N, C-alpha and C. Protein backbone atom coordinates (compact mmCIF):
# COMPACT_ATOMS: atom_id res chain seq x y z
N MET A 1 0.66 -1.07 0.11
CA MET A 1 0.02 0.02 0.07
C MET A 1 1.01 1.30 0.04
N ALA A 2 1.92 1.36 0.73
CA ALA A 2 2.72 2.57 0.76
C ALA A 2 3.45 2.56 -0.68
N PHE A 3 3.78 1.55 -1.29
CA PHE A 3 4.33 1.89 -2.69
C PHE A 3 3.46 2.39 -3.59
N VAL A 4 2.33 2.08 -3.52
CA VAL A 4 1.27 2.97 -4.09
C VAL A 4 1.00 4.39 -3.85
N ALA A 5 1.06 4.25 -2.43
CA ALA A 5 0.66 5.74 -1.85
C ALA A 5 1.48 6.72 -2.42
N ILE A 6 2.91 6.42 -2.46
CA ILE A 6 3.94 7.64 -2.78
C ILE A 6 3.90 7.70 -4.13
N GLY A 7 3.11 7.13 -4.97
CA GLY A 7 2.96 7.40 -6.40
C GLY A 7 3.40 6.19 -7.35
N PHE A 8 4.01 5.21 -7.01
CA PHE A 8 4.37 4.37 -7.72
C PHE A 8 3.55 3.41 -8.21
N GLU A 9 3.53 2.80 -9.53
CA GLU A 9 2.60 1.66 -9.99
C GLU A 9 3.28 0.31 -9.70
N HIS A 10 2.29 -0.47 -9.15
CA HIS A 10 2.62 -1.81 -9.21
C HIS A 10 1.58 -2.62 -9.50
N CYS A 11 1.74 -3.59 -10.45
CA CYS A 11 0.69 -4.48 -10.78
C CYS A 11 -0.17 -5.18 -10.04
N ILE A 12 0.49 -5.69 -9.09
CA ILE A 12 -0.09 -6.65 -8.09
C ILE A 12 -0.80 -5.55 -6.92
N ALA A 13 -0.42 -4.53 -6.61
CA ALA A 13 -1.13 -3.50 -5.83
C ALA A 13 -2.35 -2.96 -6.72
N ASN A 14 -2.16 -2.85 -7.67
CA ASN A 14 -3.23 -2.39 -8.80
C ASN A 14 -4.46 -3.15 -8.85
N MET A 15 -3.99 -4.66 -8.68
CA MET A 15 -5.05 -5.51 -9.08
C MET A 15 -6.13 -5.62 -7.69
N TYR A 16 -5.68 -5.10 -6.63
CA TYR A 16 -6.53 -4.76 -5.55
C TYR A 16 -7.11 -3.30 -5.51
N PHE A 17 -6.25 -2.36 -5.52
CA PHE A 17 -7.05 -0.81 -5.36
C PHE A 17 -7.78 -0.43 -6.62
N ILE A 18 -7.63 -0.76 -7.51
CA ILE A 18 -8.45 -0.41 -8.73
C ILE A 18 -9.73 -1.15 -8.84
N PRO A 19 -9.85 -2.29 -8.78
CA PRO A 19 -10.98 -3.07 -8.76
C PRO A 19 -11.95 -2.80 -7.38
N VAL A 20 -11.24 -2.53 -6.31
CA VAL A 20 -12.18 -1.75 -5.21
C VAL A 20 -12.68 -0.38 -5.40
N GLY A 21 -11.93 0.43 -6.11
CA GLY A 21 -12.42 1.47 -6.82
C GLY A 21 -13.70 1.43 -7.73
N ILE A 22 -13.58 0.58 -8.62
CA ILE A 22 -14.73 0.10 -9.42
C ILE A 22 -15.78 -0.26 -8.66
N PHE A 23 -15.80 -1.28 -7.73
CA PHE A 23 -16.80 -1.86 -6.99
C PHE A 23 -17.39 -0.98 -6.19
N LEU A 24 -16.66 0.06 -5.46
CA LEU A 24 -17.41 1.04 -4.75
C LEU A 24 -18.14 1.90 -5.57
N HIS A 25 -17.55 2.47 -6.94
CA HIS A 25 -18.31 3.34 -7.58
C HIS A 25 -19.57 2.80 -8.00
N ASN A 26 -19.65 1.48 -8.43
CA ASN A 26 -20.63 0.74 -9.09
C ASN A 26 -21.70 0.38 -8.13
N TRP A 27 -21.25 -0.13 -7.02
CA TRP A 27 -22.12 -0.87 -6.15
C TRP A 27 -22.45 -0.06 -4.89
N ALA A 28 -21.58 0.87 -4.43
CA ALA A 28 -22.01 1.68 -3.30
C ALA A 28 -22.48 3.08 -3.52
N GLY A 29 -21.88 3.40 -4.96
CA GLY A 29 -22.50 4.83 -5.43
C GLY A 29 -21.64 5.74 -4.86
N ILE A 30 -20.21 5.55 -4.32
CA ILE A 30 -19.27 6.57 -3.82
C ILE A 30 -18.71 7.46 -4.98
N ALA A 31 -18.90 8.78 -4.78
CA ALA A 31 -18.46 9.48 -6.09
C ALA A 31 -16.75 9.65 -6.15
N GLY A 32 -16.28 9.99 -6.86
CA GLY A 32 -14.83 10.29 -7.15
C GLY A 32 -14.44 11.86 -6.67
N PRO A 33 -13.34 12.01 -6.82
CA PRO A 33 -12.84 13.48 -6.56
C PRO A 33 -13.69 14.42 -7.91
N ALA A 34 -13.69 15.88 -7.60
CA ALA A 34 -14.30 16.68 -8.31
C ALA A 34 -14.11 16.84 -9.76
N ALA A 35 -12.88 16.60 -10.17
CA ALA A 35 -12.43 16.44 -11.83
C ALA A 35 -12.45 15.11 -12.08
N PHE A 36 -13.10 14.26 -11.46
CA PHE A 36 -13.08 12.81 -11.86
C PHE A 36 -14.37 12.54 -13.00
N ASP A 37 -13.89 11.73 -14.02
CA ASP A 37 -14.83 11.24 -15.12
C ASP A 37 -15.39 9.67 -14.55
N PRO A 38 -16.41 9.55 -14.10
CA PRO A 38 -16.57 8.41 -13.63
C PRO A 38 -16.90 7.23 -15.02
N ALA A 39 -17.13 7.73 -15.99
CA ALA A 39 -17.07 7.00 -17.32
C ALA A 39 -15.71 6.31 -17.40
N SER A 40 -14.88 6.87 -17.08
CA SER A 40 -13.33 6.27 -17.34
C SER A 40 -12.92 5.17 -16.31
N LEU A 41 -13.77 4.99 -15.16
CA LEU A 41 -13.27 3.80 -14.20
C LEU A 41 -14.42 2.84 -14.91
N ASN A 42 -13.69 1.80 -15.59
CA ASN A 42 -14.43 0.43 -15.95
C ASN A 42 -13.18 -0.48 -16.23
N TRP A 43 -13.74 -1.68 -16.38
CA TRP A 43 -12.72 -2.63 -16.42
C TRP A 43 -12.09 -2.77 -17.72
N ILE A 44 -12.63 -2.56 -18.88
CA ILE A 44 -11.75 -2.43 -20.20
C ILE A 44 -10.79 -1.41 -19.98
N SER A 45 -10.72 -0.21 -19.30
CA SER A 45 -9.85 0.81 -19.15
C SER A 45 -9.06 0.26 -18.04
N PHE A 46 -9.35 -0.23 -17.06
CA PHE A 46 -8.55 -0.75 -16.22
C PHE A 46 -7.41 -1.84 -16.75
N LEU A 47 -7.95 -2.82 -17.67
CA LEU A 47 -6.95 -3.61 -18.08
C LEU A 47 -5.97 -3.25 -19.18
N TRP A 48 -6.64 -2.48 -20.00
CA TRP A 48 -5.97 -1.75 -21.22
C TRP A 48 -4.96 -0.74 -20.79
N LYS A 49 -5.51 0.38 -20.08
CA LYS A 49 -4.71 1.60 -19.87
C LYS A 49 -3.72 1.39 -18.62
N ASN A 50 -4.11 0.26 -17.66
CA ASN A 50 -3.10 0.65 -16.62
C ASN A 50 -2.46 -1.14 -16.39
N MET A 51 -3.44 -1.91 -16.53
CA MET A 51 -2.47 -3.35 -16.14
C MET A 51 -1.56 -3.61 -17.39
N VAL A 52 -1.70 -3.51 -18.36
CA VAL A 52 -0.88 -3.85 -19.59
C VAL A 52 0.42 -3.15 -19.52
N PRO A 53 0.52 -1.59 -19.30
CA PRO A 53 1.81 -0.88 -19.31
C PRO A 53 2.44 -0.91 -17.92
N VAL A 54 1.70 -1.40 -16.93
CA VAL A 54 2.09 -1.26 -15.28
C VAL A 54 3.10 -2.51 -15.55
N THR A 55 2.35 -3.56 -15.78
CA THR A 55 2.94 -5.10 -15.78
C THR A 55 4.37 -5.13 -16.71
N ILE A 56 4.47 -4.36 -17.81
CA ILE A 56 5.38 -4.32 -18.72
C ILE A 56 6.42 -3.48 -18.06
N GLY A 57 6.09 -2.52 -17.34
CA GLY A 57 7.01 -1.53 -16.94
C GLY A 57 7.82 -2.21 -15.68
N ASN A 58 6.85 -3.02 -14.85
CA ASN A 58 7.39 -3.77 -13.65
C ASN A 58 8.41 -4.92 -14.20
N ILE A 59 8.06 -5.54 -15.23
CA ILE A 59 8.91 -6.90 -15.80
C ILE A 59 10.23 -5.93 -15.91
N ILE A 60 10.11 -4.94 -16.96
CA ILE A 60 11.45 -4.49 -17.32
C ILE A 60 12.38 -3.81 -16.17
N GLY A 61 11.52 -3.11 -15.45
CA GLY A 61 12.40 -2.41 -14.19
C GLY A 61 12.76 -3.58 -13.18
N GLY A 62 11.67 -4.50 -12.92
CA GLY A 62 12.48 -5.71 -12.18
C GLY A 62 13.72 -6.29 -12.62
N ALA A 63 13.56 -6.66 -13.74
CA ALA A 63 14.75 -7.41 -14.64
C ALA A 63 15.94 -6.62 -14.53
N VAL A 64 16.06 -5.18 -14.75
CA VAL A 64 16.98 -4.29 -15.03
C VAL A 64 17.53 -4.14 -13.60
N PHE A 65 16.75 -3.48 -12.60
CA PHE A 65 17.02 -3.15 -11.21
C PHE A 65 17.69 -4.61 -10.21
N VAL A 66 16.71 -5.41 -10.27
CA VAL A 66 17.21 -6.69 -9.71
C VAL A 66 18.32 -7.27 -10.21
N GLY A 67 18.55 -7.33 -11.62
CA GLY A 67 19.62 -7.85 -12.46
C GLY A 67 20.81 -7.10 -12.05
N MET A 68 20.87 -5.79 -12.10
CA MET A 68 22.05 -4.82 -11.97
C MET A 68 22.48 -5.05 -10.59
N SER A 69 21.51 -5.18 -9.62
CA SER A 69 21.97 -5.12 -8.20
C SER A 69 22.57 -6.66 -8.02
N TYR A 70 22.07 -7.92 -8.56
CA TYR A 70 22.63 -8.95 -8.25
C TYR A 70 24.02 -8.87 -9.14
N TRP A 71 24.02 -8.45 -10.15
CA TRP A 71 25.36 -8.38 -10.92
C TRP A 71 26.35 -7.55 -10.20
N GLY A 72 25.98 -6.32 -9.66
CA GLY A 72 26.90 -5.67 -8.65
C GLY A 72 27.53 -6.37 -7.54
N ALA A 73 26.69 -6.93 -6.95
CA ALA A 73 26.92 -7.73 -5.54
C ALA A 73 27.73 -9.06 -5.84
N TYR A 74 27.43 -9.93 -7.05
CA TYR A 74 27.91 -11.17 -7.22
C TYR A 74 28.57 -11.54 -8.33
N LEU A 75 28.25 -10.69 -9.41
CA LEU A 75 29.18 -11.22 -10.60
C LEU A 75 30.08 -10.36 -11.28
N ARG A 76 30.07 -9.23 -10.89
CA ARG A 76 31.37 -8.28 -11.43
C ARG A 76 32.56 -8.73 -11.16
N PRO A 77 33.52 -8.53 -12.02
CA PRO A 77 34.73 -8.84 -11.67
C PRO A 77 35.30 -8.23 -10.30
N SER A 78 35.98 -8.94 -9.59
CA SER A 78 36.38 -8.32 -8.40
C SER A 78 37.76 -7.54 -8.55
N SER A 79 38.01 -6.62 -7.98
CA SER A 79 39.16 -5.66 -8.15
C SER A 79 40.05 -6.11 -7.19
N GLU A 80 40.85 -7.27 -7.18
CA GLU A 80 41.82 -7.70 -6.02
C GLU A 80 42.92 -6.92 -5.97
N VAL A 81 43.67 -6.55 -5.06
CA VAL A 81 44.92 -5.90 -5.07
C VAL A 81 45.95 -7.06 -4.80
N LYS A 82 46.90 -6.86 -5.77
CA LYS A 82 47.88 -7.96 -5.58
C LYS A 82 49.25 -7.35 -5.14
C-alpha cells in the first residue's frame, strides 16, 4: 500500500486498489474527486490502460534493477589488489 501511496505503480497492488474503486463506484455509489470522470473507471480501461503498461514496466524495471543489483553484488569482476 505504501508503494502505491507514494505514487509508484505496481501491478499486484493495482489488482486490488483499482477493482475496489470500481466496485465502490458501481455498487456503493461513492463519487470520486471533483475532476473525476466516472465513465473512465471501468474494467476495459483498467486492463488496457493500466494493467498492460504497468505490468510491462514492472517486468522491465524488475529485470533491470534486480539484475543490476545482483550483478553488482555477485558477478562483476572483483578488483583484487595484488
